[in-house]
């Protein structure tokens, strides 16, 4: 499917959503002015309130997890409300890999809910795609989730570049992911003393976000936090 054909299909989806009664993207029931009905919203895989403030994994009493204590990541905190589990994982996969751009709206609102926990940042940087992968996919899925609500003055789509088109992280064992992304990113900006938010759709081991944060710290960033739509849990096998 060409990028033009794909975009025409999604323009039609947006028009249909605007003209037809709103229905829940999960169950198909009438959902008033929301893309996810109240029942399905309540049944989403919400993370518990007690979670590691650094990487968002559930922990007793919300303390730092063992991994973050042993090997602190380059970012200071992770803001995320949802686990990468059914049915959210299916929505994200349909959005990214089946080019269902009409799902960007409801997913963007879920990501915004996590970002609202932030005390404020100087710059918002979406995780970048390599140019070849961007051409193949036709869109940066993270950037599209930020467009409806992110501060336009703070949002920079060119703040980080991906220099290598590495193997897909999802296809690799957890232990190999840090090595796969090491040295992948570059930042042309002078970030001295700034507080930065890096944004991604799914955090699995945190290897990609850690390497992004490390790159930003080398560019002078004083503090880095992660805004994430969904956090994969270790028992999920990802």
C-alpha atoms as a PDB file:
ATOM      1  CA  UNK A   1       0.000   0.000   0.000  1.00  0.00           C
ATOM      2  CA  UNK A   2       1.410   3.411  -0.987  1.00  0.00           C
ATOM      3  CA  UNK A   3       1.729   6.203   1.558  1.00  0.00           C
ATOM      4  CA  UNK A   4      -0.811   8.265  -0.424  1.00  0.00           C
ATOM      5  CA  UNK A   5      -3.369   5.442  -0.378  1.00  0.00           C
ATOM      6  CA  UNK A   6      -2.746   4.904   3.333  1.00  0.00           C
ATOM      7  CA  UNK A   7      -3.253   8.585   4.123  1.00  0.00           C
ATOM      8  CA  UNK A   8      -6.481   8.716   2.063  1.00  0.00           C
ATOM      9  CA  UNK A   9      -7.852   5.758   4.017  1.00  0.00           C
ATOM     10  CA  UNK A  10      -7.090   7.440   7.298  1.00  0.00           C
ATOM     11  CA  UNK A  11      -8.558  10.778   6.168  1.00  0.00           C
ATOM     12  CA  UNK A  12     -11.750   8.866   5.451  1.00  0.00           C
ATOM     13  CA  UNK A  13     -11.598   7.310   8.934  1.00  0.00           C
ATOM     14  CA  UNK A  14     -11.292  10.741  10.548  1.00  0.00           C
ATOM     15  CA  UNK A  15     -14.239  12.069   8.508  1.00  0.00           C
ATOM     16  CA  UNK A  16     -16.361   9.062   9.460  1.00  0.00           C
ATOM     17  CA  UNK A  17     -15.527   9.584  13.113  1.00  0.00           C
ATOM     18  CA  UNK A  18     -16.562  13.224  12.893  1.00  0.00           C
ATOM     19  CA  UNK A  19     -19.864  12.578  11.076  1.00  0.00           C
ATOM     20  CA  UNK A  20     -21.048   9.323  12.622  1.00  0.00           C
ATOM     21  CA  UNK A  21     -22.117   8.784  16.246  1.00  0.00           C
ATOM     22  CA  UNK A  22     -19.094   8.120  18.466  1.00  0.00           C
ATOM     23  CA  UNK A  23     -18.574   4.447  19.267  1.00  0.00           C
ATOM     24  CA  UNK A  24     -16.042   2.802  21.560  1.00  0.00           C
ATOM     25  CA  UNK A  25     -12.961   1.578  19.668  1.00  0.00           C
ATOM     26  CA  UNK A  26     -12.838  -1.473  21.936  1.00  0.00           C
ATOM     27  CA  UNK A  27     -16.422  -2.758  22.264  1.00  0.00           C
ATOM     28  CA  UNK A  28     -18.335  -0.806  19.593  1.00  0.00           C
ATOM     29  CA  UNK A  29     -20.894   0.519  22.049  1.00  0.00           C
ATOM     30  CA  UNK A  30     -22.086   4.111  21.980  1.00  0.00           C
ATOM     31  CA  UNK A  31     -19.605   6.204  23.941  1.00  0.00           C
ATOM     32  CA  UNK A  32     -20.987   9.760  23.819  1.00  0.00           C
ATOM     33  CA  UNK A  33     -18.081  12.119  23.135  1.00  0.00           C
ATOM     34  CA  UNK A  34     -15.280   9.668  23.909  1.00  0.00           C
ATOM     35  CA  UNK A  35     -13.523   7.069  21.750  1.00  0.00           C
ATOM     36  CA  UNK A  36     -13.393   4.650  24.690  1.00  0.00           C
ATOM     37  CA  UNK A  37     -16.573   4.043  26.710  1.00  0.00           C
ATOM     38  CA  UNK A  38     -16.552   4.329  30.483  1.00  0.00           C
ATOM     39  CA  UNK A  39     -16.698   0.569  31.014  1.00  0.00           C
ATOM     40  CA  UNK A  40     -13.779  -0.205  28.697  1.00  0.00           C
ATOM     41  CA  UNK A  41     -11.802   2.717  30.110  1.00  0.00           C
ATOM     42  CA  UNK A  42     -12.173   1.280  33.614  1.00  0.00           C
ATOM     43  CA  UNK A  43     -11.110  -2.165  32.350  1.00  0.00           C
ATOM     44  CA  UNK A  44      -7.875  -0.960  30.729  1.00  0.00           C
ATOM     45  CA  UNK A  45      -4.693  -2.475  32.256  1.00  0.00           C
ATOM     46  CA  UNK A  46      -3.978   0.351  34.685  1.00  0.00           C
ATOM     47  CA  UNK A  47      -0.710   0.142  36.602  1.00  0.00           C
ATOM     48  CA  UNK A  48      -0.973   0.155  40.394  1.00  0.00           C
ATOM     49  CA  UNK A  49      -0.272   3.424  42.167  1.00  0.00           C
ATOM     50  CA  UNK A  50       2.701   1.815  43.936  1.00  0.00           C
ATOM     51  CA  UNK A  51       5.412   1.661  41.281  1.00  0.00           C
ATOM     52  CA  UNK A  52       9.083   2.480  40.873  1.00  0.00           C
ATOM     53  CA  UNK A  53       9.325   6.253  40.333  1.00  0.00           C
ATOM     54  CA  UNK A  54      12.288   5.748  38.023  1.00  0.00           C
ATOM     55  CA  UNK A  55      11.089   3.048  35.604  1.00  0.00           C
ATOM     56  CA  UNK A  56       7.354   2.624  36.491  1.00  0.00           C
ATOM     57  CA  UNK A  57       7.499  -1.083  37.340  1.00  0.00           C
ATOM     58  CA  UNK A  58       5.119  -2.017  40.183  1.00  0.00           C
ATOM     59  CA  UNK A  59       6.942  -2.173  43.535  1.00  0.00           C
ATOM     60  CA  UNK A  60       5.880  -2.451  47.194  1.00  0.00           C
ATOM     61  CA  UNK A  61       5.049   0.974  48.631  1.00  0.00           C
ATOM     62  CA  UNK A  62       6.208   2.660  45.394  1.00  0.00           C
ATOM     63  CA  UNK A  63       9.913   2.314  46.207  1.00  0.00           C
ATOM     64  CA  UNK A  64      12.753   2.071  43.697  1.00  0.00           C
ATOM     65  CA  UNK A  65      12.958  -1.354  42.066  1.00  0.00           C
ATOM     66  CA  UNK A  66      16.026  -3.544  42.469  1.00  0.00           C
ATOM     67  CA  UNK A  67      17.248  -2.923  38.918  1.00  0.00           C
ATOM     68  CA  UNK A  68      17.133   0.860  39.292  1.00  0.00           C
ATOM     69  CA  UNK A  69      18.967   0.576  42.619  1.00  0.00           C
ATOM     70  CA  UNK A  70      21.685  -1.658  41.131  1.00  0.00           C
ATOM     71  CA  UNK A  71      22.083   0.208  37.855  1.00  0.00           C
ATOM     72  CA  UNK A  72      20.354   3.627  37.849  1.00  0.00           C
ATOM     73  CA  UNK A  73      19.224   4.640  34.340  1.00  0.00           C
ATOM     74  CA  UNK A  74      20.214   7.968  32.787  1.00  0.00           C
ATOM     75  CA  UNK A  75      16.643   9.296  33.171  1.00  0.00           C
ATOM     76  CA  UNK A  76      15.292  10.533  36.497  1.00  0.00           C
ATOM     77  CA  UNK A  77      11.681   9.320  36.299  1.00  0.00           C
ATOM     78  CA  UNK A  78       9.070   7.598  34.120  1.00  0.00           C
ATOM     79  CA  UNK A  79       5.477   8.806  33.875  1.00  0.00           C
ATOM     80  CA  UNK A  80       3.200   5.993  32.738  1.00  0.00           C
ATOM     81  CA  UNK A  81      -0.248   4.830  33.828  1.00  0.00           C
ATOM     82  CA  UNK A  82      -0.883   1.672  31.820  1.00  0.00           C
ATOM     83  CA  UNK A  83       0.619  -1.771  31.338  1.00  0.00           C
ATOM     84  CA  UNK A  84       1.334  -3.134  27.883  1.00  0.00           C
ATOM     85  CA  UNK A  85      -1.370  -5.787  28.103  1.00  0.00           C
ATOM     86  CA  UNK A  86      -4.703  -6.656  26.498  1.00  0.00           C
ATOM     87  CA  UNK A  87      -6.579  -4.783  25.118  1.00  0.00           C
ATOM     88  CA  UNK A  88      -4.186  -1.808  25.006  1.00  0.00           C
ATOM     89  CA  UNK A  89      -1.423  -3.836  23.365  1.00  0.00           C
ATOM     90  CA  UNK A  90      -3.780  -4.774  20.519  1.00  0.00           C
ATOM     91  CA  UNK A  91      -4.767  -1.126  19.983  1.00  0.00           C
ATOM     92  CA  UNK A  92      -1.120  -0.014  19.850  1.00  0.00           C
ATOM     93  CA  UNK A  93      -0.213  -2.772  17.395  1.00  0.00           C
ATOM     94  CA  UNK A  94      -3.143  -1.922  15.118  1.00  0.00           C
ATOM     95  CA  UNK A  95      -2.156   1.739  15.247  1.00  0.00           C
ATOM     96  CA  UNK A  96       1.549   1.182  14.501  1.00  0.00           C
ATOM     97  CA  UNK A  97       1.608  -1.770  12.148  1.00  0.00           C
ATOM     98  CA  UNK A  98      -1.799  -1.705  10.460  1.00  0.00           C
ATOM     99  CA  UNK A  99      -1.709   2.089   9.984  1.00  0.00           C
ATOM    100  CA  UNK A 100      -4.954   2.695  11.831  1.00  0.00           C
ATOM    101  CA  UNK A 101      -4.259   6.380  12.371  1.00  0.00           C
ATOM    102  CA  UNK A 102      -7.792   6.972  13.603  1.00  0.00           C
ATOM    103  CA  UNK A 103      -6.636   5.287  16.833  1.00  0.00           C
ATOM    104  CA  UNK A 104      -4.148   8.097  17.428  1.00  0.00           C
ATOM    105  CA  UNK A 105      -6.839  10.192  19.143  1.00  0.00           C
ATOM    106  CA  UNK A 106      -7.798   7.805  21.967  1.00  0.00           C
ATOM    107  CA  UNK A 107      -4.178   6.689  22.446  1.00  0.00           C
ATOM    108  CA  UNK A 108      -3.036  10.316  22.567  1.00  0.00           C
ATOM    109  CA  UNK A 109      -5.487  11.020  25.388  1.00  0.00           C
ATOM    110  CA  UNK A 110      -4.155   8.062  27.387  1.00  0.00           C
ATOM    111  CA  UNK A 111      -0.577   9.267  26.920  1.00  0.00           C
ATOM    112  CA  UNK A 112      -1.600  12.790  27.906  1.00  0.00           C
ATOM    113  CA  UNK A 113      -2.998  11.405  31.158  1.00  0.00           C
ATOM    114  CA  UNK A 114       0.482  10.173  32.081  1.00  0.00           C
ATOM    115  CA  UNK A 115       2.224  13.372  30.975  1.00  0.00           C
ATOM    116  CA  UNK A 116      -0.076  15.501  33.153  1.00  0.00           C
ATOM    117  CA  UNK A 117       1.813  14.122  36.148  1.00  0.00           C
ATOM    118  CA  UNK A 118       4.886  16.094  35.036  1.00  0.00           C
ATOM    119  CA  UNK A 119       5.882  19.259  36.888  1.00  0.00           C
ATOM    120  CA  UNK A 120       6.845  20.801  33.544  1.00  0.00           C
ATOM    121  CA  UNK A 121       9.711  20.515  31.054  1.00  0.00           C
ATOM    122  CA  UNK A 122      11.654  22.814  28.737  1.00  0.00           C
ATOM    123  CA  UNK A 123      11.590  20.471  25.741  1.00  0.00           C
ATOM    124  CA  UNK A 124       9.520  17.499  24.540  1.00  0.00           C
ATOM    125  CA  UNK A 125      11.303  15.051  22.222  1.00  0.00           C
ATOM    126  CA  UNK A 126       9.548  12.072  20.590  1.00  0.00           C
ATOM    127  CA  UNK A 127      11.631   8.929  20.191  1.00  0.00           C
ATOM    128  CA  UNK A 128      12.936   9.099  16.604  1.00  0.00           C
ATOM    129  CA  UNK A 129      12.689   6.556  13.803  1.00  0.00           C
ATOM    130  CA  UNK A 130      15.510   5.914  11.378  1.00  0.00           C
ATOM    131  CA  UNK A 131      14.721   7.657   8.028  1.00  0.00           C
ATOM    132  CA  UNK A 132      14.357   4.323   6.235  1.00  0.00           C
ATOM    133  CA  UNK A 133      11.877   3.009   8.776  1.00  0.00           C
ATOM    134  CA  UNK A 134       9.995   6.301   8.716  1.00  0.00           C
ATOM    135  CA  UNK A 135       9.623   5.994   4.929  1.00  0.00           C
ATOM    136  CA  UNK A 136       8.347   2.422   5.295  1.00  0.00           C
ATOM    137  CA  UNK A 137       5.834   3.219   8.036  1.00  0.00           C
ATOM    138  CA  UNK A 138       4.842   6.611   6.667  1.00  0.00           C
ATOM    139  CA  UNK A 139       4.565   8.282  10.075  1.00  0.00           C
ATOM    140  CA  UNK A 140       6.293   8.514  13.451  1.00  0.00           C
ATOM    141  CA  UNK A 141       3.708   6.965  15.758  1.00  0.00           C
ATOM    142  CA  UNK A 142       4.975   8.852  18.819  1.00  0.00           C
ATOM    143  CA  UNK A 143       4.915  12.256  17.125  1.00  0.00           C
ATOM    144  CA  UNK A 144       1.303  11.692  16.049  1.00  0.00           C
ATOM    145  CA  UNK A 145       0.340  10.956  19.670  1.00  0.00           C
ATOM    146  CA  UNK A 146       1.847  14.282  20.742  1.00  0.00           C
ATOM    147  CA  UNK A 147       0.350  16.517  18.038  1.00  0.00           C
ATOM    148  CA  UNK A 148      -3.138  16.955  19.559  1.00  0.00           C
ATOM    149  CA  UNK A 149      -2.038  18.218  22.964  1.00  0.00           C
ATOM    150  CA  UNK A 150       1.707  18.799  23.396  1.00  0.00           C
ATOM    151  CA  UNK A 151       2.996  22.344  23.903  1.00  0.00           C
ATOM    152  CA  UNK A 152       3.956  23.447  20.379  1.00  0.00           C
ATOM    153  CA  UNK A 153       6.723  25.661  21.710  1.00  0.00           C
ATOM    154  CA  UNK A 154       8.331  22.782  23.598  1.00  0.00           C
ATOM    155  CA  UNK A 155       7.782  19.999  21.051  1.00  0.00           C
ATOM    156  CA  UNK A 156      10.778  19.369  18.757  1.00  0.00           C
ATOM    157  CA  UNK A 157      10.586  16.625  16.142  1.00  0.00           C
ATOM    158  CA  UNK A 158      14.253  17.044  15.145  1.00  0.00           C
ATOM    159  CA  UNK A 159      15.852  17.131  18.598  1.00  0.00           C
ATOM    160  CA  UNK A 160      17.286  13.605  18.351  1.00  0.00           C
ATOM    161  CA  UNK A 161      18.399  11.658  15.296  1.00  0.00           C
ATOM    162  CA  UNK A 162      18.675   7.908  14.897  1.00  0.00           C
ATOM    163  CA  UNK A 163      21.954   7.149  13.152  1.00  0.00           C
ATOM    164  CA  UNK A 164      21.599   3.399  12.669  1.00  0.00           C
ATOM    165  CA  UNK A 165      18.657   1.270  11.596  1.00  0.00           C
ATOM    166  CA  UNK A 166      19.180  -1.444  14.182  1.00  0.00           C
ATOM    167  CA  UNK A 167      17.259  -4.664  14.598  1.00  0.00           C
ATOM    168  CA  UNK A 168      13.768  -4.222  16.032  1.00  0.00           C
ATOM    169  CA  UNK A 169      14.019  -4.183  19.826  1.00  0.00           C
ATOM    170  CA  UNK A 170      10.865  -6.285  20.142  1.00  0.00           C
ATOM    171  CA  UNK A 171      12.536  -9.101  18.177  1.00  0.00           C
ATOM    172  CA  UNK A 172      15.493  -9.337  20.575  1.00  0.00           C
ATOM    173  CA  UNK A 173      15.885 -11.051  23.963  1.00  0.00           C
ATOM    174  CA  UNK A 174      15.750  -8.582  26.852  1.00  0.00           C
ATOM    175  CA  UNK A 175      19.468  -9.030  27.605  1.00  0.00           C
ATOM    176  CA  UNK A 176      20.546  -7.929  24.102  1.00  0.00           C
ATOM    177  CA  UNK A 177      18.489  -4.744  23.840  1.00  0.00           C
ATOM    178  CA  UNK A 178      20.901  -2.366  25.583  1.00  0.00           C
ATOM    179  CA  UNK A 179      23.755  -3.503  23.319  1.00  0.00           C
ATOM    180  CA  UNK A 180      21.556  -3.166  20.229  1.00  0.00           C
ATOM    181  CA  UNK A 181      20.862   0.553  20.795  1.00  0.00           C
ATOM    182  CA  UNK A 182      24.227   1.627  22.219  1.00  0.00           C
ATOM    183  CA  UNK A 183      25.551   4.608  20.242  1.00  0.00           C
ATOM    184  CA  UNK A 184      22.441   4.696  18.033  1.00  0.00           C
ATOM    185  CA  UNK A 185      21.325   8.273  18.752  1.00  0.00           C
ATOM    186  CA  UNK A 186      22.764  11.766  18.321  1.00  0.00           C
ATOM    187  CA  UNK A 187      21.546  15.122  19.602  1.00  0.00           C
ATOM    188  CA  UNK A 188      22.547  18.308  17.721  1.00  0.00           C
ATOM    189  CA  UNK A 189      21.059  20.633  20.367  1.00  0.00           C
ATOM    190  CA  UNK A 190      22.701  22.526  23.200  1.00  0.00           C
ATOM    191  CA  UNK A 191      20.641  21.372  26.181  1.00  0.00           C
ATOM    192  CA  UNK A 192      22.720  22.821  29.000  1.00  0.00           C
ATOM    193  CA  UNK A 193      20.679  22.856  32.206  1.00  0.00           C
ATOM    194  CA  UNK A 194      17.363  22.005  30.513  1.00  0.00           C
ATOM    195  CA  UNK A 195      14.707  19.594  31.715  1.00  0.00           C
ATOM    196  CA  UNK A 196      13.718  17.250  28.882  1.00  0.00           C
ATOM    197  CA  UNK A 197      10.836  14.826  28.328  1.00  0.00           C
ATOM    198  CA  UNK A 198      11.492  11.963  25.948  1.00  0.00           C
ATOM    199  CA  UNK A 199       8.332  10.234  24.749  1.00  0.00           C
ATOM    200  CA  UNK A 200       7.734   6.680  23.531  1.00  0.00           C
ATOM    201  CA  UNK A 201       4.728   4.451  23.030  1.00  0.00           C
ATOM    202  CA  UNK A 202       6.006   1.323  24.814  1.00  0.00           C
ATOM    203  CA  UNK A 203       8.726   0.863  27.431  1.00  0.00           C
ATOM    204  CA  UNK A 204       9.941  -2.721  27.719  1.00  0.00           C
ATOM    205  CA  UNK A 205      13.392  -3.042  29.288  1.00  0.00           C
ATOM    206  CA  UNK A 206      13.955   0.718  29.125  1.00  0.00           C
ATOM    207  CA  UNK A 207      17.095   0.221  27.015  1.00  0.00           C
ATOM    208  CA  UNK A 208      16.027   2.599  24.236  1.00  0.00           C
ATOM    209  CA  UNK A 209      14.879   5.325  26.622  1.00  0.00           C
ATOM    210  CA  UNK A 210      18.044   4.920  28.694  1.00  0.00           C
ATOM    211  CA  UNK A 211      20.232   5.366  25.605  1.00  0.00           C
ATOM    212  CA  UNK A 212      18.173   8.383  24.538  1.00  0.00           C
ATOM    213  CA  UNK A 213      18.550   9.905  28.007  1.00  0.00           C
ATOM    214  CA  UNK A 214      22.288   9.191  28.016  1.00  0.00           C
ATOM    215  CA  UNK A 215      22.611  10.994  24.667  1.00  0.00           C
ATOM    216  CA  UNK A 216      20.682  14.003  25.994  1.00  0.00           C
ATOM    217  CA  UNK A 217      22.824  14.152  29.133  1.00  0.00           C
ATOM    218  CA  UNK A 218      25.922  14.226  26.909  1.00  0.00           C
ATOM    219  CA  UNK A 219      24.326  17.239  25.165  1.00  0.00           C
ATOM    220  CA  UNK A 220      24.066  18.964  28.551  1.00  0.00           C
ATOM    221  CA  UNK A 221      20.538  18.101  29.720  1.00  0.00           C
ATOM    222  CA  UNK A 222      20.192  18.649  33.445  1.00  0.00           C
ATOM    223  CA  UNK A 223      17.247  16.295  33.939  1.00  0.00           C
ATOM    224  CA  UNK A 224      15.411  13.782  31.752  1.00  0.00           C
ATOM    225  CA  UNK A 225      12.028  12.188  32.317  1.00  0.00           C
ATOM    226  CA  UNK A 226      10.166   9.650  30.190  1.00  0.00           C
ATOM    227  CA  UNK A 227       6.524   9.928  29.130  1.00  0.00           C
ATOM    228  CA  UNK A 228       5.283   6.493  28.082  1.00  0.00           C
ATOM    229  CA  UNK A 229       1.915   5.223  26.898  1.00  0.00           C
ATOM    230  CA  UNK A 230       2.400   1.621  28.089  1.00  0.00           C
ATOM    231  CA  UNK A 231       4.884  -0.219  30.326  1.00  0.00           C
ATOM    232  CA  UNK A 232       5.628  -3.861  29.537  1.00  0.00           C
ATOM    233  CA  UNK A 233       5.831  -6.022  32.651  1.00  0.00           C
ATOM    234  CA  UNK A 234       8.516  -8.720  32.968  1.00  0.00           C
ATOM    235  CA  UNK A 235       6.033 -11.603  33.223  1.00  0.00           C
ATOM    236  CA  UNK A 236       4.473 -10.533  29.902  1.00  0.00           C
ATOM    237  CA  UNK A 237       7.355 -12.190  28.032  1.00  0.00           C
ATOM    238  CA  UNK A 238       8.483  -9.092  26.135  1.00  0.00           C
END
